[in-house]
PDB file of N, CA and C in Angstrom:
ATOM      1  N   MET A   1       1.864 -15.700 -15.242  1.00  0.00           N
ATOM      2  CA  MET A   1       3.106 -15.170 -14.650  1.00  0.00           C
ATOM      3  C   MET A   1       4.147 -15.051 -15.703  1.00  0.00           C
ATOM      4  N   SER A   2       4.813 -13.942 -15.706  1.00  0.00           N
ATOM      5  CA  SER A   2       5.831 -13.723 -16.724  1.00  0.00           C
ATOM      6  C   SER A   2       7.095 -14.541 -16.464  1.00  0.00           C
ATOM      7  N   ASP A   3       7.905 -14.648 -17.520  1.00  0.00           N
ATOM      8  CA  ASP A   3       9.136 -15.455 -17.410  1.00  0.00           C
ATOM      9  C   ASP A   3      10.076 -14.857 -16.364  1.00  0.00           C
ATOM     10  N   THR A   4      10.157 -13.540 -16.316  1.00  0.00           N
ATOM     11  CA  THR A   4      11.138 -12.959 -15.367  1.00  0.00           C
ATOM     12  C   THR A   4      10.641 -13.214 -13.924  1.00  0.00           C
ATOM     13  N   THR A   5       9.341 -13.150 -13.718  1.00  0.00           N
ATOM     14  CA  THR A   5       8.832 -13.454 -12.366  1.00  0.00           C
ATOM     15  C   THR A   5       9.074 -14.886 -11.958  1.00  0.00           C
ATOM     16  N   ALA A   6       8.897 -15.785 -12.934  1.00  0.00           N
ATOM     17  CA  ALA A   6       9.150 -17.231 -12.673  1.00  0.00           C
ATOM     18  C   ALA A   6      10.606 -17.444 -12.380  1.00  0.00           C
ATOM     19  N   GLU A   7      11.510 -16.725 -13.098  1.00  0.00           N
ATOM     20  CA  GLU A   7      12.910 -16.853 -12.863  1.00  0.00           C
ATOM     21  C   GLU A   7      13.304 -16.353 -11.505  1.00  0.00           C
ATOM     22  N   VAL A   8      12.755 -15.230 -11.145  1.00  0.00           N
ATOM     23  CA  VAL A   8      13.093 -14.642  -9.818  1.00  0.00           C
ATOM     24  C   VAL A   8      12.590 -15.556  -8.729  1.00  0.00           C
ATOM     25  N   THR A   9      11.375 -16.057  -8.880  1.00  0.00           N
ATOM     26  CA  THR A   9      10.769 -16.970  -7.912  1.00  0.00           C
ATOM     27  C   THR A   9      11.596 -18.276  -7.765  1.00  0.00           C
ATOM     28  N   SER A  10      12.036 -18.795  -8.906  1.00  0.00           N
ATOM     29  CA  SER A  10      12.785 -20.031  -8.800  1.00  0.00           C
ATOM     30  C   SER A  10      14.224 -19.755  -8.214  1.00  0.00           C
ATOM     31  N   ASP A  11      14.792 -18.580  -8.590  1.00  0.00           N
ATOM     32  CA  ASP A  11      16.079 -18.224  -8.031  1.00  0.00           C
ATOM     33  C   ASP A  11      15.984 -18.023  -6.472  1.00  0.00           C
ATOM     34  N   LEU A  12      14.962 -17.389  -6.049  1.00  0.00           N
ATOM     35  CA  LEU A  12      14.737 -17.146  -4.634  1.00  0.00           C
ATOM     36  C   LEU A  12      14.533 -18.485  -3.929  1.00  0.00           C
ATOM     37  N   LEU A  13      13.746 -19.380  -4.517  1.00  0.00           N
ATOM     38  CA  LEU A  13      13.509 -20.659  -3.956  1.00  0.00           C
ATOM     39  C   LEU A  13      14.833 -21.456  -3.819  1.00  0.00           C
ATOM     40  N   ASN A  14      15.657 -21.394  -4.862  1.00  0.00           N
ATOM     41  CA  ASN A  14      16.901 -22.100  -4.854  1.00  0.00           C
ATOM     42  C   ASN A  14      17.849 -21.533  -3.804  1.00  0.00           C
ATOM     43  N   GLN A  15      17.822 -20.227  -3.631  1.00  0.00           N
ATOM     44  CA  GLN A  15      18.671 -19.636  -2.579  1.00  0.00           C
ATOM     45  C   GLN A  15      18.217 -19.995  -1.175  1.00  0.00           C
ATOM     46  N   LEU A  16      16.908 -20.045  -0.967  1.00  0.00           N
ATOM     47  CA  LEU A  16      16.367 -20.426   0.314  1.00  0.00           C
ATOM     48  C   LEU A  16      16.628 -21.893   0.662  1.00  0.00           C
ATOM     49  N   GLN A  17      16.641 -22.715  -0.364  1.00  0.00           N
ATOM     50  CA  GLN A  17      16.873 -24.114  -0.168  1.00  0.00           C
ATOM     51  C   GLN A  17      18.321 -24.512  -0.128  1.00  0.00           C
ATOM     52  N   SER A  18      19.255 -23.588  -0.291  1.00  0.00           N
ATOM     53  CA  SER A  18      20.654 -23.874  -0.301  1.00  0.00           C
ATOM     54  C   SER A  18      21.069 -24.351   1.086  1.00  0.00           C
ATOM     55  N   LYS A  19      22.152 -25.086   1.216  1.00  0.00           N
ATOM     56  CA  LYS A  19      22.622 -25.648   2.443  1.00  0.00           C
ATOM     57  C   LYS A  19      22.952 -24.594   3.478  1.00  0.00           C
ATOM     58  N   GLU A  20      23.528 -23.413   3.051  1.00  0.00           N
ATOM     59  CA  GLU A  20      23.875 -22.369   3.992  1.00  0.00           C
ATOM     60  C   GLU A  20      22.595 -21.802   4.713  1.00  0.00           C
ATOM     61  N   ASN A  21      21.562 -21.654   3.940  1.00  0.00           N
ATOM     62  CA  ASN A  21      20.356 -21.025   4.538  1.00  0.00           C
ATOM     63  C   ASN A  21      19.524 -22.023   5.332  1.00  0.00           C
ATOM     64  N   LYS A  22      19.584 -23.300   5.027  1.00  0.00           N
ATOM     65  CA  LYS A  22      18.779 -24.277   5.795  1.00  0.00           C
ATOM     66  C   LYS A  22      19.173 -24.306   7.227  1.00  0.00           C
ATOM     67  N   ASP A  23      20.419 -24.006   7.533  1.00  0.00           N
ATOM     68  CA  ASP A  23      20.924 -24.022   8.902  1.00  0.00           C
ATOM     69  C   ASP A  23      20.332 -22.832   9.680  1.00  0.00           C
ATOM     70  N   HIS A  24      20.048 -21.736   9.025  1.00  0.00           N
ATOM     71  CA  HIS A  24      19.638 -20.532   9.644  1.00  0.00           C
ATOM     72  C   HIS A  24      18.115 -20.341   9.709  1.00  0.00           C
ATOM     73  N   LEU A  25      17.364 -21.005   8.835  1.00  0.00           N
ATOM     74  CA  LEU A  25      15.942 -20.855   8.807  1.00  0.00           C
ATOM     75  C   LEU A  25      15.271 -21.646   9.915  1.00  0.00           C
ATOM     76  N   LYS A  26      14.202 -21.027  10.448  1.00  0.00           N
ATOM     77  CA  LYS A  26      13.430 -21.740  11.521  1.00  0.00           C
ATOM     78  C   LYS A  26      12.149 -22.321  10.939  1.00  0.00           C
ATOM     79  N   ASP A  27      11.626 -23.364  11.549  1.00  0.00           N
ATOM     80  CA  ASP A  27      10.369 -23.921  11.149  1.00  0.00           C
ATOM     81  C   ASP A  27       9.276 -23.029  11.694  1.00  0.00           C
ATOM     82  N   VAL A  28       8.260 -22.765  10.829  1.00  0.00           N
ATOM     83  CA  VAL A  28       7.152 -21.903  11.255  1.00  0.00           C
ATOM     84  C   VAL A  28       5.893 -22.702  11.008  1.00  0.00           C
ATOM     85  N   THR A  29       4.963 -22.702  11.984  1.00  0.00           N
ATOM     86  CA  THR A  29       3.667 -23.278  11.854  1.00  0.00           C
ATOM     87  C   THR A  29       2.630 -22.211  11.967  1.00  0.00           C
ATOM     88  N   THR A  30       1.648 -22.196  11.074  1.00  0.00           N
ATOM     89  CA  THR A  30       0.601 -21.192  11.138  1.00  0.00           C
ATOM     90  C   THR A  30      -0.479 -21.662  12.098  1.00  0.00           C
ATOM     91  N   THR A  31      -1.052 -20.747  12.826  1.00  0.00           N
ATOM     92  CA  THR A  31      -2.099 -21.148  13.786  1.00  0.00           C
ATOM     93  C   THR A  31      -3.462 -21.072  13.221  1.00  0.00           C
ATOM     94  N   GLU A  32      -3.720 -20.157  12.337  1.00  0.00           N
ATOM     95  CA  GLU A  32      -4.957 -20.010  11.632  1.00  0.00           C
ATOM     96  C   GLU A  32      -4.753 -19.744  10.120  1.00  0.00           C
ATOM     97  N   GLY A  33      -5.654 -20.201   9.302  1.00  0.00           N
ATOM     98  CA  GLY A  33      -5.501 -20.005   7.909  1.00  0.00           C
ATOM     99  C   GLY A  33      -6.036 -18.674   7.498  1.00  0.00           C
ATOM    100  N   THR A  34      -5.870 -18.288   6.258  1.00  0.00           N
ATOM    101  CA  THR A  34      -6.366 -16.975   5.789  1.00  0.00           C
ATOM    102  C   THR A  34      -7.888 -16.923   5.752  1.00  0.00           C
ATOM    103  N   GLY A  35      -8.538 -18.086   5.663  1.00  0.00           N
ATOM    104  CA  GLY A  35      -9.965 -18.148   5.695  1.00  0.00           C
ATOM    105  C   GLY A  35     -10.546 -17.684   7.057  1.00  0.00           C
ATOM    106  N   ALA A  36      -9.855 -18.122   8.145  1.00  0.00           N
ATOM    107  CA  ALA A  36     -10.298 -17.759   9.448  1.00  0.00           C
ATOM    108  C   ALA A  36     -10.100 -16.222   9.632  1.00  0.00           C
ATOM    109  N   ALA A  37      -9.011 -15.659   9.158  1.00  0.00           N
ATOM    110  CA  ALA A  37      -8.808 -14.263   9.281  1.00  0.00           C
ATOM    111  C   ALA A  37      -9.858 -13.456   8.519  1.00  0.00           C
ATOM    112  N   TYR A  38     -10.193 -13.958   7.324  1.00  0.00           N
ATOM    113  CA  TYR A  38     -11.204 -13.322   6.554  1.00  0.00           C
ATOM    114  C   TYR A  38     -12.579 -13.356   7.246  1.00  0.00           C
ATOM    115  N   ASN A  39     -12.948 -14.471   7.807  1.00  0.00           N
ATOM    116  CA  ASN A  39     -14.177 -14.614   8.538  1.00  0.00           C
ATOM    117  C   ASN A  39     -14.254 -13.700   9.755  1.00  0.00           C
ATOM    118  N   MET A  40     -13.134 -13.552  10.428  1.00  0.00           N
ATOM    119  CA  MET A  40     -13.098 -12.656  11.636  1.00  0.00           C
ATOM    120  C   MET A  40     -13.276 -11.178  11.169  1.00  0.00           C
ATOM    121  N   THR A  41     -12.688 -10.877  10.086  1.00  0.00           N
ATOM    122  CA  THR A  41     -12.812  -9.507   9.575  1.00  0.00           C
ATOM    123  C   THR A  41     -14.263  -9.256   9.223  1.00  0.00           C
ATOM    124  N   MET A  42     -14.850 -10.131   8.482  1.00  0.00           N
ATOM    125  CA  MET A  42     -16.219  -9.897   8.055  1.00  0.00           C
ATOM    126  C   MET A  42     -17.161  -9.874   9.246  1.00  0.00           C
ATOM    127  N   TYR A  43     -16.914 -10.683  10.224  1.00  0.00           N
ATOM    128  CA  TYR A  43     -17.731 -10.652  11.460  1.00  0.00           C
ATOM    129  C   TYR A  43     -17.603  -9.317  12.100  1.00  0.00           C
ATOM    130  N   GLY A  44     -16.374  -8.751  12.241  1.00  0.00           N
ATOM    131  CA  GLY A  44     -16.188  -7.438  12.861  1.00  0.00           C
ATOM    132  C   GLY A  44     -16.904  -6.336  12.070  1.00  0.00           C
ATOM    133  N   ILE A  45     -16.902  -6.416  10.723  1.00  0.00           N
ATOM    134  CA  ILE A  45     -17.571  -5.420   9.914  1.00  0.00           C
ATOM    135  C   ILE A  45     -19.096  -5.527  10.142  1.00  0.00           C
ATOM    136  N   GLU A  46     -19.641  -6.726  10.167  1.00  0.00           N
ATOM    137  CA  GLU A  46     -21.070  -6.916  10.325  1.00  0.00           C
ATOM    138  C   GLU A  46     -21.528  -6.407  11.733  1.00  0.00           C
ATOM    139  N   LYS A  47     -20.788  -6.609  12.721  1.00  0.00           N
ATOM    140  CA  LYS A  47     -21.161  -6.272  14.097  1.00  0.00           C
ATOM    141  C   LYS A  47     -20.763  -4.830  14.548  1.00  0.00           C
ATOM    142  N   PHE A  48     -20.156  -4.084  13.624  1.00  0.00           N
ATOM    143  CA  PHE A  48     -19.715  -2.729  13.945  1.00  0.00           C
ATOM    144  C   PHE A  48     -20.847  -1.860  14.249  1.00  0.00           C
ATOM    145  N   ASN A  49     -20.795  -1.153  15.356  1.00  0.00           N
ATOM    146  CA  ASN A  49     -21.858  -0.248  15.766  1.00  0.00           C
ATOM    147  C   ASN A  49     -21.673   1.154  15.257  1.00  0.00           C
ATOM    148  N   LYS A  50     -22.438   1.504  14.230  1.00  0.00           N
ATOM    149  CA  LYS A  50     -22.294   2.828  13.591  1.00  0.00           C
ATOM    150  C   LYS A  50     -22.750   3.928  14.480  1.00  0.00           C
ATOM    151  N   GLU A  51     -23.602   3.608  15.515  1.00  0.00           N
ATOM    152  CA  GLU A  51     -24.137   4.620  16.395  1.00  0.00           C
ATOM    153  C   GLU A  51     -23.016   5.272  17.264  1.00  0.00           C
ATOM    154  N   LYS A  52     -21.942   4.559  17.472  1.00  0.00           N
ATOM    155  CA  LYS A  52     -20.882   5.064  18.281  1.00  0.00           C
ATOM    156  C   LYS A  52     -19.989   6.125  17.610  1.00  0.00           C
ATOM    157  N   LEU A  53     -20.174   6.265  16.284  1.00  0.00           N
ATOM    158  CA  LEU A  53     -19.383   7.265  15.536  1.00  0.00           C
ATOM    159  C   LEU A  53     -19.886   8.625  15.845  1.00  0.00           C
ATOM    160  N   ALA A  54     -19.010   9.577  15.989  1.00  0.00           N
ATOM    161  CA  ALA A  54     -19.346  10.984  16.224  1.00  0.00           C
ATOM    162  C   ALA A  54     -19.576  11.653  14.881  1.00  0.00           C
ATOM    163  N   HIS A  55     -20.552  12.622  14.852  1.00  0.00           N
ATOM    164  CA  HIS A  55     -20.834  13.366  13.668  1.00  0.00           C
ATOM    165  C   HIS A  55     -19.801  14.490  13.536  1.00  0.00           C
ATOM    166  N   VAL A  56     -19.262  14.649  12.349  1.00  0.00           N
ATOM    167  CA  VAL A  56     -18.211  15.679  12.114  1.00  0.00           C
ATOM    168  C   VAL A  56     -18.688  16.531  10.921  1.00  0.00           C
ATOM    169  N   GLU A  57     -18.542  17.872  11.113  1.00  0.00           N
ATOM    170  CA  GLU A  57     -18.836  18.773  10.025  1.00  0.00           C
ATOM    171  C   GLU A  57     -17.537  18.873   9.166  1.00  0.00           C
ATOM    172  N   VAL A  58     -17.731  18.712   7.876  1.00  0.00           N
ATOM    173  CA  VAL A  58     -16.549  18.744   6.954  1.00  0.00           C
ATOM    174  C   VAL A  58     -16.589  20.098   6.276  1.00  0.00           C
ATOM    175  N   THR A  59     -15.507  20.825   6.347  1.00  0.00           N
ATOM    176  CA  THR A  59     -15.344  22.058   5.606  1.00  0.00           C
ATOM    177  C   THR A  59     -14.132  21.920   4.736  1.00  0.00           C
ATOM    178  N   GLU A  60     -14.384  22.053   3.452  1.00  0.00           N
ATOM    179  CA  GLU A  60     -13.276  21.948   2.482  1.00  0.00           C
ATOM    180  C   GLU A  60     -12.611  23.254   2.295  1.00  0.00           C
ATOM    181  N   LYS A  61     -11.299  23.264   2.398  1.00  0.00           N
ATOM    182  CA  LYS A  61     -10.488  24.449   2.238  1.00  0.00           C
ATOM    183  C   LYS A  61      -9.644  24.324   0.995  1.00  0.00           C
ATOM    184  N   ILE A  62      -9.985  25.050  -0.025  1.00  0.00           N
ATOM    185  CA  ILE A  62      -9.243  25.006  -1.242  1.00  0.00           C
ATOM    186  C   ILE A  62      -8.596  26.406  -1.458  1.00  0.00           C
ATOM    187  N   VAL A  63      -7.276  26.406  -1.403  1.00  0.00           N
ATOM    188  CA  VAL A  63      -6.595  27.677  -1.571  1.00  0.00           C
ATOM    189  C   VAL A  63      -6.067  27.732  -3.037  1.00  0.00           C
ATOM    190  N   LEU A  64      -6.629  28.689  -3.788  1.00  0.00           N
ATOM    191  CA  LEU A  64      -6.197  28.833  -5.195  1.00  0.00           C
ATOM    192  C   LEU A  64      -5.199  29.971  -5.248  1.00  0.00           C
ATOM    193  N   PRO A  65      -4.207  29.873  -6.122  1.00  0.00           N
ATOM    194  CA  PRO A  65      -3.247  30.972  -6.281  1.00  0.00           C
ATOM    195  C   PRO A  65      -3.929  32.183  -6.908  1.00  0.00           C
ATOM    196  N   ASP A  66      -3.419  33.330  -6.547  1.00  0.00           N
ATOM    197  CA  ASP A  66      -3.987  34.558  -7.110  1.00  0.00           C
ATOM    198  C   ASP A  66      -3.417  34.773  -8.558  1.00  0.00           C
ATOM    199  N   SER A  67      -3.951  35.748  -9.248  1.00  0.00           N
ATOM    200  CA  SER A  67      -3.580  35.946 -10.681  1.00  0.00           C
ATOM    201  C   SER A  67      -2.109  36.293 -10.824  1.00  0.00           C
ATOM    202  N   GLU A  68      -1.545  37.038  -9.875  1.00  0.00           N
ATOM    203  CA  GLU A  68      -0.126  37.403  -9.952  1.00  0.00           C
ATOM    204  C   GLU A  68       0.770  36.132  -9.946  1.00  0.00           C
ATOM    205  N   THR A  69       0.483  35.207  -9.049  1.00  0.00           N
ATOM    206  CA  THR A  69       1.258  33.986  -8.951  1.00  0.00           C
ATOM    207  C   THR A  69       1.137  33.188 -10.217  1.00  0.00           C
ATOM    208  N   ILE A  70      -0.074  33.113 -10.778  1.00  0.00           N
ATOM    209  CA  ILE A  70      -0.279  32.319 -11.996  1.00  0.00           C
ATOM    210  C   ILE A  70       0.527  32.954 -13.136  1.00  0.00           C
ATOM    211  N   GLN A  71       0.501  34.255 -13.263  1.00  0.00           N
ATOM    212  CA  GLN A  71       1.229  34.987 -14.294  1.00  0.00           C
ATOM    213  C   GLN A  71       2.771  34.729 -14.115  1.00  0.00           C
ATOM    214  N   LYS A  72       3.285  34.775 -12.899  1.00  0.00           N
ATOM    215  CA  LYS A  72       4.720  34.522 -12.653  1.00  0.00           C
ATOM    216  C   LYS A  72       5.068  33.120 -13.112  1.00  0.00           C
ATOM    217  N   GLU A  73       4.243  32.122 -12.743  1.00  0.00           N
ATOM    218  CA  GLU A  73       4.576  30.747 -13.113  1.00  0.00           C
ATOM    219  C   GLU A  73       4.517  30.557 -14.604  1.00  0.00           C
ATOM    220  N   LYS A  74       3.600  31.206 -15.299  1.00  0.00           N
ATOM    221  CA  LYS A  74       3.581  31.156 -16.781  1.00  0.00           C
ATOM    222  C   LYS A  74       4.855  31.740 -17.352  1.00  0.00           C
ATOM    223  N   GLU A  75       5.282  32.856 -16.804  1.00  0.00           N
ATOM    224  CA  GLU A  75       6.493  33.497 -17.341  1.00  0.00           C
ATOM    225  C   GLU A  75       7.740  32.571 -17.086  1.00  0.00           C
ATOM    226  N   GLU A  76       7.776  31.939 -15.909  1.00  0.00           N
ATOM    227  CA  GLU A  76       8.845  31.034 -15.580  1.00  0.00           C
ATOM    228  C   GLU A  76       8.885  29.843 -16.573  1.00  0.00           C
ATOM    229  N   LEU A  77       7.751  29.300 -16.858  1.00  0.00           N
ATOM    230  CA  LEU A  77       7.669  28.160 -17.784  1.00  0.00           C
ATOM    231  C   LEU A  77       8.110  28.603 -19.191  1.00  0.00           C
ATOM    232  N   GLU A  78       7.692  29.776 -19.627  1.00  0.00           N
ATOM    233  CA  GLU A  78       8.087  30.280 -20.911  1.00  0.00           C
ATOM    234  C   GLU A  78       9.578  30.517 -20.992  1.00  0.00           C
ATOM    235  N   ASN A  79      10.163  31.008 -19.904  1.00  0.00           N
ATOM    236  CA  ASN A  79      11.632  31.230 -19.856  1.00  0.00           C
ATOM    237  C   ASN A  79      12.399  29.924 -19.882  1.00  0.00           C
ATOM    238  N   GLU A  80      11.836  28.886 -19.234  1.00  0.00           N
ATOM    239  CA  GLU A  80      12.540  27.579 -19.255  1.00  0.00           C
ATOM    240  C   GLU A  80      12.507  26.931 -20.628  1.00  0.00           C
ATOM    241  N   LYS A  81      11.455  27.183 -21.413  1.00  0.00           N
ATOM    242  CA  LYS A  81      11.377  26.609 -22.721  1.00  0.00           C
ATOM    243  C   LYS A  81      12.349  27.262 -23.667  1.00  0.00           C
ATOM    244  N   LYS A  82      12.807  28.421 -23.422  1.00  0.00           N
ATOM    245  CA  LYS A  82      13.727  29.126 -24.358  1.00  0.00           C
ATOM    246  C   LYS A  82      15.123  28.660 -24.238  1.00  0.00           C
TER     247      LYS A  82
END
């Protein structure tokens, strides 16, 4: 961790622990840890039914500028450089 990050973190911690803020902050208790959330996510991924997905045809649409537009842009760039 860099010095500036440590300074910001310690400044933020000091501000949160100040007397003015302690009166306004509420106690928070977590119901489940991050490990439980990770396990639930992995369970959902493992049990996901791929058969329910609908097949979709993908058509790529790439619109390229015509030669006139390219020439105009080149001229504009050259004029800006002058």
